[in-house]
């Protein structure tokens, strides 16, 4: 999966390459319905990649929007919502 490849590049500190892969991930993700679990996961991975490449402000927006959607769909106590909330808290 492209998102996994991008995360691997971030771990290797190859941020420019990871940003290119991130762009590849964003385009196919748009073909899924807004509330599709696969798209929600891709959005989380994008937020993590944004953190990894140092774009914390953009990651905060991505992850806040995602947390709002997860809360609407699953509630505050769902594992995915909690994970994204913890990611956001770590950015503060």
PDB file of N, CA and C in Angstrom:
ATOM      1  N   UNK A   1       0.842  -1.185   0.000  1.00  0.00           N
ATOM      2  CA  UNK A   1       0.000   0.000   0.000  1.00  0.00           C
ATOM      3  C   UNK A   1       0.886   1.248   0.000  1.00  0.00           C
ATOM      4  N   UNK A   2       0.470   2.270  -0.695  1.00  0.00           N
ATOM      5  CA  UNK A   2       1.266   3.488  -0.806  1.00  0.00           C
ATOM      6  C   UNK A   2       1.499   4.161   0.532  1.00  0.00           C
ATOM      7  N   UNK A   3       0.490   4.188   1.387  1.00  0.00           N
ATOM      8  CA  UNK A   3       0.648   4.844   2.687  1.00  0.00           C
ATOM      9  C   UNK A   3       1.721   4.142   3.521  1.00  0.00           C
ATOM     10  N   UNK A   4       1.768   2.821   3.461  1.00  0.00           N
ATOM     11  CA  UNK A   4       2.799   2.079   4.192  1.00  0.00           C
ATOM     12  C   UNK A   4       4.176   2.397   3.628  1.00  0.00           C
ATOM     13  N   UNK A   5       4.276   2.509   2.313  1.00  0.00           N
ATOM     14  CA  UNK A   5       5.553   2.873   1.693  1.00  0.00           C
ATOM     15  C   UNK A   5       5.996   4.259   2.142  1.00  0.00           C
ATOM     16  N   UNK A   6       5.055   5.183   2.208  1.00  0.00           N
ATOM     17  CA  UNK A   6       5.378   6.540   2.653  1.00  0.00           C
ATOM     18  C   UNK A   6       5.856   6.540   4.098  1.00  0.00           C
ATOM     19  N   UNK A   7       5.186   5.773   4.962  1.00  0.00           N
ATOM     20  CA  UNK A   7       5.597   5.703   6.364  1.00  0.00           C
ATOM     21  C   UNK A   7       7.004   5.130   6.478  1.00  0.00           C
ATOM     22  N   UNK A   8       7.329   4.157   5.664  1.00  0.00           N
ATOM     23  CA  UNK A   8       8.671   3.583   5.654  1.00  0.00           C
ATOM     24  C   UNK A   8       9.705   4.640   5.261  1.00  0.00           C
ATOM     25  N   UNK A   9       9.370   5.450   4.274  1.00  0.00           N
ATOM     26  CA  UNK A   9      10.273   6.521   3.850  1.00  0.00           C
ATOM     27  C   UNK A   9      10.459   7.556   4.948  1.00  0.00           C
ATOM     28  N   UNK A  10       9.411   7.855   5.689  1.00  0.00           N
ATOM     29  CA  UNK A  10       9.522   8.789   6.812  1.00  0.00           C
ATOM     30  C   UNK A  10      10.465   8.213   7.858  1.00  0.00           C
ATOM     31  N   UNK A  11      10.305   6.934   8.174  1.00  0.00           N
ATOM     32  CA  UNK A  11      11.187   6.298   9.161  1.00  0.00           C
ATOM     33  C   UNK A  11      12.642   6.367   8.717  1.00  0.00           C
ATOM     34  N   UNK A  12      12.873   6.368   7.417  1.00  0.00           N
ATOM     35  CA  UNK A  12      14.233   6.463   6.877  1.00  0.00           C
ATOM     36  C   UNK A  12      14.664   7.919   6.696  1.00  0.00           C
ATOM     37  N   UNK A  13      13.848   8.856   7.166  1.00  0.00           N
ATOM     38  CA  UNK A  13      14.108  10.295   7.037  1.00  0.00           C
ATOM     39  C   UNK A  13      14.188  10.750   5.590  1.00  0.00           C
ATOM     40  N   UNK A  14      13.475  10.078   4.710  1.00  0.00           N
ATOM     41  CA  UNK A  14      13.408  10.462   3.298  1.00  0.00           C
ATOM     42  C   UNK A  14      12.101  11.220   3.084  1.00  0.00           C
ATOM     43  N   UNK A  15      12.030  12.407   3.673  1.00  0.00           N
ATOM     44  CA  UNK A  15      10.786  13.169   3.728  1.00  0.00           C
ATOM     45  C   UNK A  15      10.308  13.647   2.360  1.00  0.00           C
ATOM     46  N   UNK A  16      11.215  14.040   1.507  1.00  0.00           N
ATOM     47  CA  UNK A  16      10.813  14.472   0.171  1.00  0.00           C
ATOM     48  C   UNK A  16      10.150  13.348  -0.601  1.00  0.00           C
ATOM     49  N   UNK A  17      10.731  12.159  -0.525  1.00  0.00           N
ATOM     50  CA  UNK A  17      10.144  10.995  -1.190  1.00  0.00           C
ATOM     51  C   UNK A  17       8.790  10.654  -0.577  1.00  0.00           C
ATOM     52  N   UNK A  18       8.705  10.769   0.752  1.00  0.00           N
ATOM     53  CA  UNK A  18       7.445  10.469   1.440  1.00  0.00           C
ATOM     54  C   UNK A  18       6.354  11.433   1.007  1.00  0.00           C
ATOM     55  N   UNK A  19       6.691  12.693   0.819  1.00  0.00           N
ATOM     56  CA  UNK A  19       5.698  13.679   0.381  1.00  0.00           C
ATOM     57  C   UNK A  19       5.168  13.323  -1.008  1.00  0.00           C
ATOM     58  N   UNK A  20       6.037  12.817  -1.878  1.00  0.00           N
ATOM     59  CA  UNK A  20       5.600  12.398  -3.204  1.00  0.00           C
ATOM     60  C   UNK A  20       4.639  11.233  -3.138  1.00  0.00           C
ATOM     61  N   UNK A  21       4.924  10.293  -2.278  1.00  0.00           N
ATOM     62  CA  UNK A  21       4.034   9.151  -2.104  1.00  0.00           C
ATOM     63  C   UNK A  21       2.715   9.612  -1.498  1.00  0.00           C
ATOM     64  N   UNK A  22       2.785  10.557  -0.577  1.00  0.00           N
ATOM     65  CA  UNK A  22       1.575  11.109   0.039  1.00  0.00           C
ATOM     66  C   UNK A  22       0.639  11.661  -1.031  1.00  0.00           C
ATOM     67  N   UNK A  23       1.186  12.346  -2.003  1.00  0.00           N
ATOM     68  CA  UNK A  23       0.359  12.883  -3.093  1.00  0.00           C
ATOM     69  C   UNK A  23      -0.300  11.753  -3.879  1.00  0.00           C
ATOM     70  N   UNK A  24       0.415  10.632  -4.062  1.00  0.00           N
ATOM     71  CA  UNK A  24      -0.159   9.486  -4.762  1.00  0.00           C
ATOM     72  C   UNK A  24      -1.303   8.863  -3.975  1.00  0.00           C
ATOM     73  N   UNK A  25      -1.199   8.876  -2.646  1.00  0.00           N
ATOM     74  CA  UNK A  25      -2.234   8.294  -1.788  1.00  0.00           C
ATOM     75  C   UNK A  25      -3.507   9.125  -1.850  1.00  0.00           C
ATOM     76  N   UNK A  26      -3.371  10.434  -1.859  1.00  0.00           N
ATOM     77  CA  UNK A  26      -4.527  11.326  -1.775  1.00  0.00           C
ATOM     78  C   UNK A  26      -5.456  11.181  -2.980  1.00  0.00           C
ATOM     79  N   UNK A  27      -4.916  10.977  -4.161  1.00  0.00           N
ATOM     80  CA  UNK A  27      -5.751  10.903  -5.363  1.00  0.00           C
ATOM     81  C   UNK A  27      -6.640   9.664  -5.362  1.00  0.00           C
ATOM     82  N   UNK A  28      -6.093   8.439  -5.170  1.00  0.00           N
ATOM     83  CA  UNK A  28      -6.988   7.282  -5.170  1.00  0.00           C
ATOM     84  C   UNK A  28      -7.978   7.296  -4.013  1.00  0.00           C
ATOM     85  N   UNK A  29      -7.606   7.890  -2.902  1.00  0.00           N
ATOM     86  CA  UNK A  29      -8.502   7.919  -1.744  1.00  0.00           C
ATOM     87  C   UNK A  29      -9.796   8.653  -2.062  1.00  0.00           C
ATOM     88  N   UNK A  30      -9.761   9.580  -2.988  1.00  0.00           N
ATOM     89  CA  UNK A  30     -10.954  10.369  -3.304  1.00  0.00           C
ATOM     90  C   UNK A  30     -12.041   9.534  -3.982  1.00  0.00           C
ATOM     91  N   UNK A  31     -11.729   8.320  -4.399  1.00  0.00           N
ATOM     92  CA  UNK A  31     -12.752   7.497  -5.068  1.00  0.00           C
ATOM     93  C   UNK A  31     -13.654   6.748  -4.096  1.00  0.00           C
ATOM     94  N   UNK A  32     -13.322   6.765  -2.807  1.00  0.00           N
ATOM     95  CA  UNK A  32     -14.119   6.078  -1.789  1.00  0.00           C
ATOM     96  C   UNK A  32     -15.214   6.997  -1.257  1.00  0.00           C
ATOM     97  N   UNK A  33     -16.327   6.415  -0.796  1.00  0.00           N
ATOM     98  CA  UNK A  33     -17.340   7.230  -0.112  1.00  0.00           C
ATOM     99  C   UNK A  33     -16.724   7.901   1.121  1.00  0.00           C
ATOM    100  N   UNK A  34     -17.235   9.036   1.473  1.00  0.00           N
ATOM    101  CA  UNK A  34     -16.675   9.856   2.549  1.00  0.00           C
ATOM    102  C   UNK A  34     -16.499   9.098   3.869  1.00  0.00           C
ATOM    103  N   UNK A  35     -17.427   8.220   4.213  1.00  0.00           N
ATOM    104  CA  UNK A  35     -17.386   7.515   5.490  1.00  0.00           C
ATOM    105  C   UNK A  35     -16.813   6.103   5.390  1.00  0.00           C
ATOM    106  N   UNK A  36     -16.206   5.758   4.275  1.00  0.00           N
ATOM    107  CA  UNK A  36     -15.625   4.438   4.090  1.00  0.00           C
ATOM    108  C   UNK A  36     -14.455   4.242   5.061  1.00  0.00           C
ATOM    109  N   UNK A  37     -14.419   3.091   5.723  1.00  0.00           N
ATOM    110  CA  UNK A  37     -13.373   2.814   6.711  1.00  0.00           C
ATOM    111  C   UNK A  37     -11.974   2.893   6.101  1.00  0.00           C
ATOM    112  N   UNK A  38     -11.844   2.488   4.839  1.00  0.00           N
ATOM    113  CA  UNK A  38     -10.524   2.568   4.181  1.00  0.00           C
ATOM    114  C   UNK A  38     -10.075   4.010   4.034  1.00  0.00           C
ATOM    115  N   UNK A  39     -10.992   4.882   3.678  1.00  0.00           N
ATOM    116  CA  UNK A  39     -10.656   6.294   3.529  1.00  0.00           C
ATOM    117  C   UNK A  39     -10.315   6.911   4.880  1.00  0.00           C
ATOM    118  N   UNK A  40     -11.057   6.551   5.908  1.00  0.00           N
ATOM    119  CA  UNK A  40     -10.751   7.066   7.239  1.00  0.00           C
ATOM    120  C   UNK A  40      -9.344   6.658   7.662  1.00  0.00           C
ATOM    121  N   UNK A  41      -8.957   5.434   7.361  1.00  0.00           N
ATOM    122  CA  UNK A  41      -7.612   4.958   7.691  1.00  0.00           C
ATOM    123  C   UNK A  41      -6.558   5.706   6.891  1.00  0.00           C
ATOM    124  N   UNK A  42      -6.815   5.921   5.610  1.00  0.00           N
ATOM    125  CA  UNK A  42      -5.867   6.679   4.775  1.00  0.00           C
ATOM    126  C   UNK A  42      -5.715   8.095   5.315  1.00  0.00           C
ATOM    127  N   UNK A  43      -6.812   8.701   5.734  1.00  0.00           N
ATOM    128  CA  UNK A  43      -6.742  10.063   6.296  1.00  0.00           C
ATOM    129  C   UNK A  43      -5.880  10.092   7.551  1.00  0.00           C
ATOM    130  N   UNK A  44      -5.975   9.052   8.395  1.00  0.00           N
ATOM    131  CA  UNK A  44      -5.130   8.994   9.589  1.00  0.00           C
ATOM    132  C   UNK A  44      -3.670   8.873   9.183  1.00  0.00           C
ATOM    133  N   UNK A  45      -3.400   8.020   8.211  1.00  0.00           N
ATOM    134  CA  UNK A  45      -2.028   7.842   7.753  1.00  0.00           C
ATOM    135  C   UNK A  45      -1.481   9.124   7.139  1.00  0.00           C
ATOM    136  N   UNK A  46      -2.318   9.843   6.419  1.00  0.00           N
ATOM    137  CA  UNK A  46      -1.889  11.128   5.855  1.00  0.00           C
ATOM    138  C   UNK A  46      -1.522  12.092   6.979  1.00  0.00           C
ATOM    139  N   UNK A  47      -2.351  12.160   8.022  1.00  0.00           N
ATOM    140  CA  UNK A  47      -2.038  13.022   9.156  1.00  0.00           C
ATOM    141  C   UNK A  47      -0.716  12.652   9.799  1.00  0.00           C
ATOM    142  N   UNK A  48      -0.468  11.355   9.958  1.00  0.00           N
ATOM    143  CA  UNK A  48       0.801  10.910  10.532  1.00  0.00           C
ATOM    144  C   UNK A  48       1.971  11.265   9.622  1.00  0.00           C
ATOM    145  N   UNK A  49       1.769  11.139   8.321  1.00  0.00           N
ATOM    146  CA  UNK A  49       2.832  11.519   7.379  1.00  0.00           C
ATOM    147  C   UNK A  49       3.102  13.016   7.431  1.00  0.00           C
ATOM    148  N   UNK A  50       2.051  13.796   7.559  1.00  0.00           N
ATOM    149  CA  UNK A  50       2.238  15.247   7.659  1.00  0.00           C
ATOM    150  C   UNK A  50       3.067  15.594   8.893  1.00  0.00           C
ATOM    151  N   UNK A  51       2.815  14.895   9.991  1.00  0.00           N
ATOM    152  CA  UNK A  51       3.639  15.089  11.189  1.00  0.00           C
ATOM    153  C   UNK A  51       5.081  14.701  10.876  1.00  0.00           C
ATOM    154  N   UNK A  52       5.249  13.562  10.228  1.00  0.00           N
ATOM    155  CA  UNK A  52       6.582  13.048   9.925  1.00  0.00           C
ATOM    156  C   UNK A  52       7.408  13.958   9.043  1.00  0.00           C
ATOM    157  N   UNK A  53       6.748  14.677   8.136  1.00  0.00           N
ATOM    158  CA  UNK A  53       7.494  15.593   7.263  1.00  0.00           C
ATOM    159  C   UNK A  53       7.586  16.987   7.862  1.00  0.00           C
ATOM    160  N   UNK A  54       7.077  17.153   9.081  1.00  0.00           N
ATOM    161  CA  UNK A  54       7.218  18.428   9.784  1.00  0.00           C
ATOM    162  C   UNK A  54       6.108  19.427   9.552  1.00  0.00           C
ATOM    163  N   UNK A  55       5.046  19.046   8.869  1.00  0.00           N
ATOM    164  CA  UNK A  55       3.935  19.966   8.616  1.00  0.00           C
ATOM    165  C   UNK A  55       2.862  19.767   9.688  1.00  0.00           C
ATOM    166  N   UNK A  56       3.204  20.179  10.910  1.00  0.00           N
ATOM    167  CA  UNK A  56       2.344  19.942  12.068  1.00  0.00           C
ATOM    168  C   UNK A  56       1.024  20.696  11.949  1.00  0.00           C
ATOM    169  N   UNK A  57       1.057  21.914  11.422  1.00  0.00           N
ATOM    170  CA  UNK A  57      -0.191  22.677  11.281  1.00  0.00           C
ATOM    171  C   UNK A  57      -1.170  21.964  10.357  1.00  0.00           C
ATOM    172  N   UNK A  58      -0.667  21.455   9.244  1.00  0.00           N
ATOM    173  CA  UNK A  58      -1.535  20.738   8.310  1.00  0.00           C
ATOM    174  C   UNK A  58      -2.010  19.429   8.937  1.00  0.00           C
ATOM    175  N   UNK A  59      -1.128  18.742   9.660  1.00  0.00           N
ATOM    176  CA  UNK A  59      -1.511  17.501  10.346  1.00  0.00           C
ATOM    177  C   UNK A  59      -2.607  17.767  11.364  1.00  0.00           C
ATOM    178  N   UNK A  60      -2.507  18.882  12.065  1.00  0.00           N
ATOM    179  CA  UNK A  60      -3.521  19.219  13.071  1.00  0.00           C
ATOM    180  C   UNK A  60      -4.894  19.378  12.409  1.00  0.00           C
ATOM    181  N   UNK A  61      -4.935  20.028  11.255  1.00  0.00           N
ATOM    182  CA  UNK A  61      -6.199  20.200  10.528  1.00  0.00           C
ATOM    183  C   UNK A  61      -6.717  18.837  10.044  1.00  0.00           C
ATOM    184  N   UNK A  62      -5.844  18.058   9.427  1.00  0.00           N
ATOM    185  CA  UNK A  62      -6.229  16.737   8.917  1.00  0.00           C
ATOM    186  C   UNK A  62      -6.787  15.866  10.031  1.00  0.00           C
ATOM    187  N   UNK A  63      -6.065  15.804  11.147  1.00  0.00           N
ATOM    188  CA  UNK A  63      -6.459  14.918  12.237  1.00  0.00           C
ATOM    189  C   UNK A  63      -7.680  15.435  13.000  1.00  0.00           C
ATOM    190  N   UNK A  64      -7.833  16.758  13.100  1.00  0.00           N
ATOM    191  CA  UNK A  64      -9.025  17.312  13.754  1.00  0.00           C
ATOM    192  C   UNK A  64     -10.269  17.003  12.944  1.00  0.00           C
ATOM    193  N   UNK A  65     -10.186  17.191  11.631  1.00  0.00           N
ATOM    194  CA  UNK A  65     -11.323  16.853  10.765  1.00  0.00           C
ATOM    195  C   UNK A  65     -11.653  15.364  10.859  1.00  0.00           C
ATOM    196  N   UNK A  66     -10.612  14.537  10.878  1.00  0.00           N
ATOM    197  CA  UNK A  66     -10.818  13.100  10.986  1.00  0.00           C
ATOM    198  C   UNK A  66     -11.446  12.738  12.327  1.00  0.00           C
ATOM    199  N   UNK A  67     -10.950  13.320  13.419  1.00  0.00           N
ATOM    200  CA  UNK A  67     -11.523  13.025  14.734  1.00  0.00           C
ATOM    201  C   UNK A  67     -13.001  13.403  14.779  1.00  0.00           C
ATOM    202  N   UNK A  68     -13.355  14.536  14.184  1.00  0.00           N
ATOM    203  CA  UNK A  68     -14.761  14.946  14.149  1.00  0.00           C
ATOM    204  C   UNK A  68     -15.617  13.920  13.407  1.00  0.00           C
ATOM    205  N   UNK A  69     -15.113  13.424  12.282  1.00  0.00           N
ATOM    206  CA  UNK A  69     -15.856  12.417  11.521  1.00  0.00           C
ATOM    207  C   UNK A  69     -15.950  11.099  12.285  1.00  0.00           C
ATOM    208  N   UNK A  70     -14.855  10.687  12.903  1.00  0.00           N
ATOM    209  CA  UNK A  70     -14.876   9.448  13.684  1.00  0.00           C
ATOM    210  C   UNK A  70     -15.832   9.546  14.861  1.00  0.00           C
ATOM    211  N   UNK A  71     -15.855  10.704  15.506  1.00  0.00           N
ATOM    212  CA  UNK A  71     -16.771  10.909  16.633  1.00  0.00           C
ATOM    213  C   UNK A  71     -18.216  10.827  16.155  1.00  0.00           C
ATOM    214  N   UNK A  72     -18.497  11.435  15.020  1.00  0.00           N
ATOM    215  CA  UNK A  72     -19.849  11.406  14.454  1.00  0.00           C
ATOM    216  C   UNK A  72     -20.262   9.979  14.100  1.00  0.00           C
ATOM    217  N   UNK A  73     -19.327   9.215  13.535  1.00  0.00           N
ATOM    218  CA  UNK A  73     -19.645   7.861  13.075  1.00  0.00           C
ATOM    219  C   UNK A  73     -19.639   6.818  14.192  1.00  0.00           C
ATOM    220  N   UNK A  74     -18.657   6.917  15.091  1.00  0.00           N
ATOM    221  CA  UNK A  74     -18.431   5.836  16.054  1.00  0.00           C
ATOM    222  C   UNK A  74     -18.536   6.248  17.519  1.00  0.00           C
ATOM    223  N   UNK A  75     -18.460   7.539  17.796  1.00  0.00           N
ATOM    224  CA  UNK A  75     -18.496   7.998  19.179  1.00  0.00           C
ATOM    225  C   UNK A  75     -17.106   8.238  19.746  1.00  0.00           C
ATOM    226  N   UNK A  76     -17.067   8.891  20.900  1.00  0.00           N
ATOM    227  CA  UNK A  76     -15.806   9.269  21.531  1.00  0.00           C
ATOM    228  C   UNK A  76     -15.016   8.087  22.074  1.00  0.00           C
ATOM    229  N   UNK A  77     -15.703   6.988  22.409  1.00  0.00           N
ATOM    230  CA  UNK A  77     -15.045   5.858  23.060  1.00  0.00           C
ATOM    231  C   UNK A  77     -14.515   4.801  22.096  1.00  0.00           C
ATOM    232  N   UNK A  78     -14.676   5.029  20.800  1.00  0.00           N
ATOM    233  CA  UNK A  78     -14.204   4.067  19.809  1.00  0.00           C
ATOM    234  C   UNK A  78     -12.681   4.130  19.708  1.00  0.00           C
ATOM    235  N   UNK A  79     -12.058   2.990  19.481  1.00  0.00           N
ATOM    236  CA  UNK A  79     -10.599   2.920  19.409  1.00  0.00           C
ATOM    237  C   UNK A  79      -9.985   3.858  18.385  1.00  0.00           C
ATOM    238  N   UNK A  80     -10.592   3.973  17.211  1.00  0.00           N
ATOM    239  CA  UNK A  80     -10.048   4.851  16.172  1.00  0.00           C
ATOM    240  C   UNK A  80     -10.127   6.314  16.594  1.00  0.00           C
ATOM    241  N   UNK A  81     -11.219   6.689  17.240  1.00  0.00           N
ATOM    242  CA  UNK A  81     -11.375   8.062  17.718  1.00  0.00           C
ATOM    243  C   UNK A  81     -10.344   8.363  18.798  1.00  0.00           C
ATOM    244  N   UNK A  82     -10.167   7.429  19.705  1.00  0.00           N
ATOM    245  CA  UNK A  82      -9.192   7.608  20.783  1.00  0.00           C
ATOM    246  C   UNK A  82      -7.779   7.741  20.211  1.00  0.00           C
ATOM    247  N   UNK A  83      -7.439   6.900  19.245  1.00  0.00           N
ATOM    248  CA  UNK A  83      -6.095   6.950  18.645  1.00  0.00           C
ATOM    249  C   UNK A  83      -5.821   8.308  18.015  1.00  0.00           C
ATOM    250  N   UNK A  84      -6.780   8.818  17.270  1.00  0.00           N
ATOM    251  CA  UNK A  84      -6.589  10.117  16.611  1.00  0.00           C
ATOM    252  C   UNK A  84      -6.551  11.234  17.661  1.00  0.00           C
ATOM    253  N   UNK A  85      -7.371  11.132  18.686  1.00  0.00           N
ATOM    254  CA  UNK A  85      -7.339  12.128  19.766  1.00  0.00           C
ATOM    255  C   UNK A  85      -5.981  12.146  20.447  1.00  0.00           C
ATOM    256  N   UNK A  86      -5.405  10.975  20.649  1.00  0.00           N
ATOM    257  CA  UNK A  86      -4.073  10.896  21.258  1.00  0.00           C
ATOM    258  C   UNK A  86      -3.010  11.488  20.343  1.00  0.00           C
ATOM    259  N   UNK A  87      -3.135  11.242  19.044  1.00  0.00           N
ATOM    260  CA  UNK A  87      -2.200  11.852  18.094  1.00  0.00           C
ATOM    261  C   UNK A  87      -2.280  13.366  18.165  1.00  0.00           C
ATOM    262  N   UNK A  88      -3.500  13.879  18.208  1.00  0.00           N
ATOM    263  CA  UNK A  88      -3.680  15.329  18.305  1.00  0.00           C
ATOM    264  C   UNK A  88      -3.093  15.880  19.605  1.00  0.00           C
ATOM    265  N   UNK A  89      -3.314  15.179  20.700  1.00  0.00           N
ATOM    266  CA  UNK A  89      -2.782  15.640  21.989  1.00  0.00           C
ATOM    267  C   UNK A  89      -1.262  15.689  21.967  1.00  0.00           C
ATOM    268  N   UNK A  90      -0.652  14.778  21.245  1.00  0.00           N
ATOM    269  CA  UNK A  90       0.810  14.755  21.165  1.00  0.00           C
ATOM    270  C   UNK A  90       1.371  15.922  20.373  1.00  0.00           C
ATOM    271  N   UNK A  91       0.520  16.587  19.592  1.00  0.00           N
ATOM    272  CA  UNK A  91       0.965  17.740  18.789  1.00  0.00           C
ATOM    273  C   UNK A  91       0.966  19.030  19.595  1.00  0.00           C
ATOM    274  N   UNK A  92       0.316  19.030  20.746  1.00  0.00           N
ATOM    275  CA  UNK A  92       0.188  20.248  21.553  1.00  0.00           C
ATOM    276  C   UNK A  92       1.459  20.585  22.288  1.00  0.00           C
TER     277      UNK A  92
END
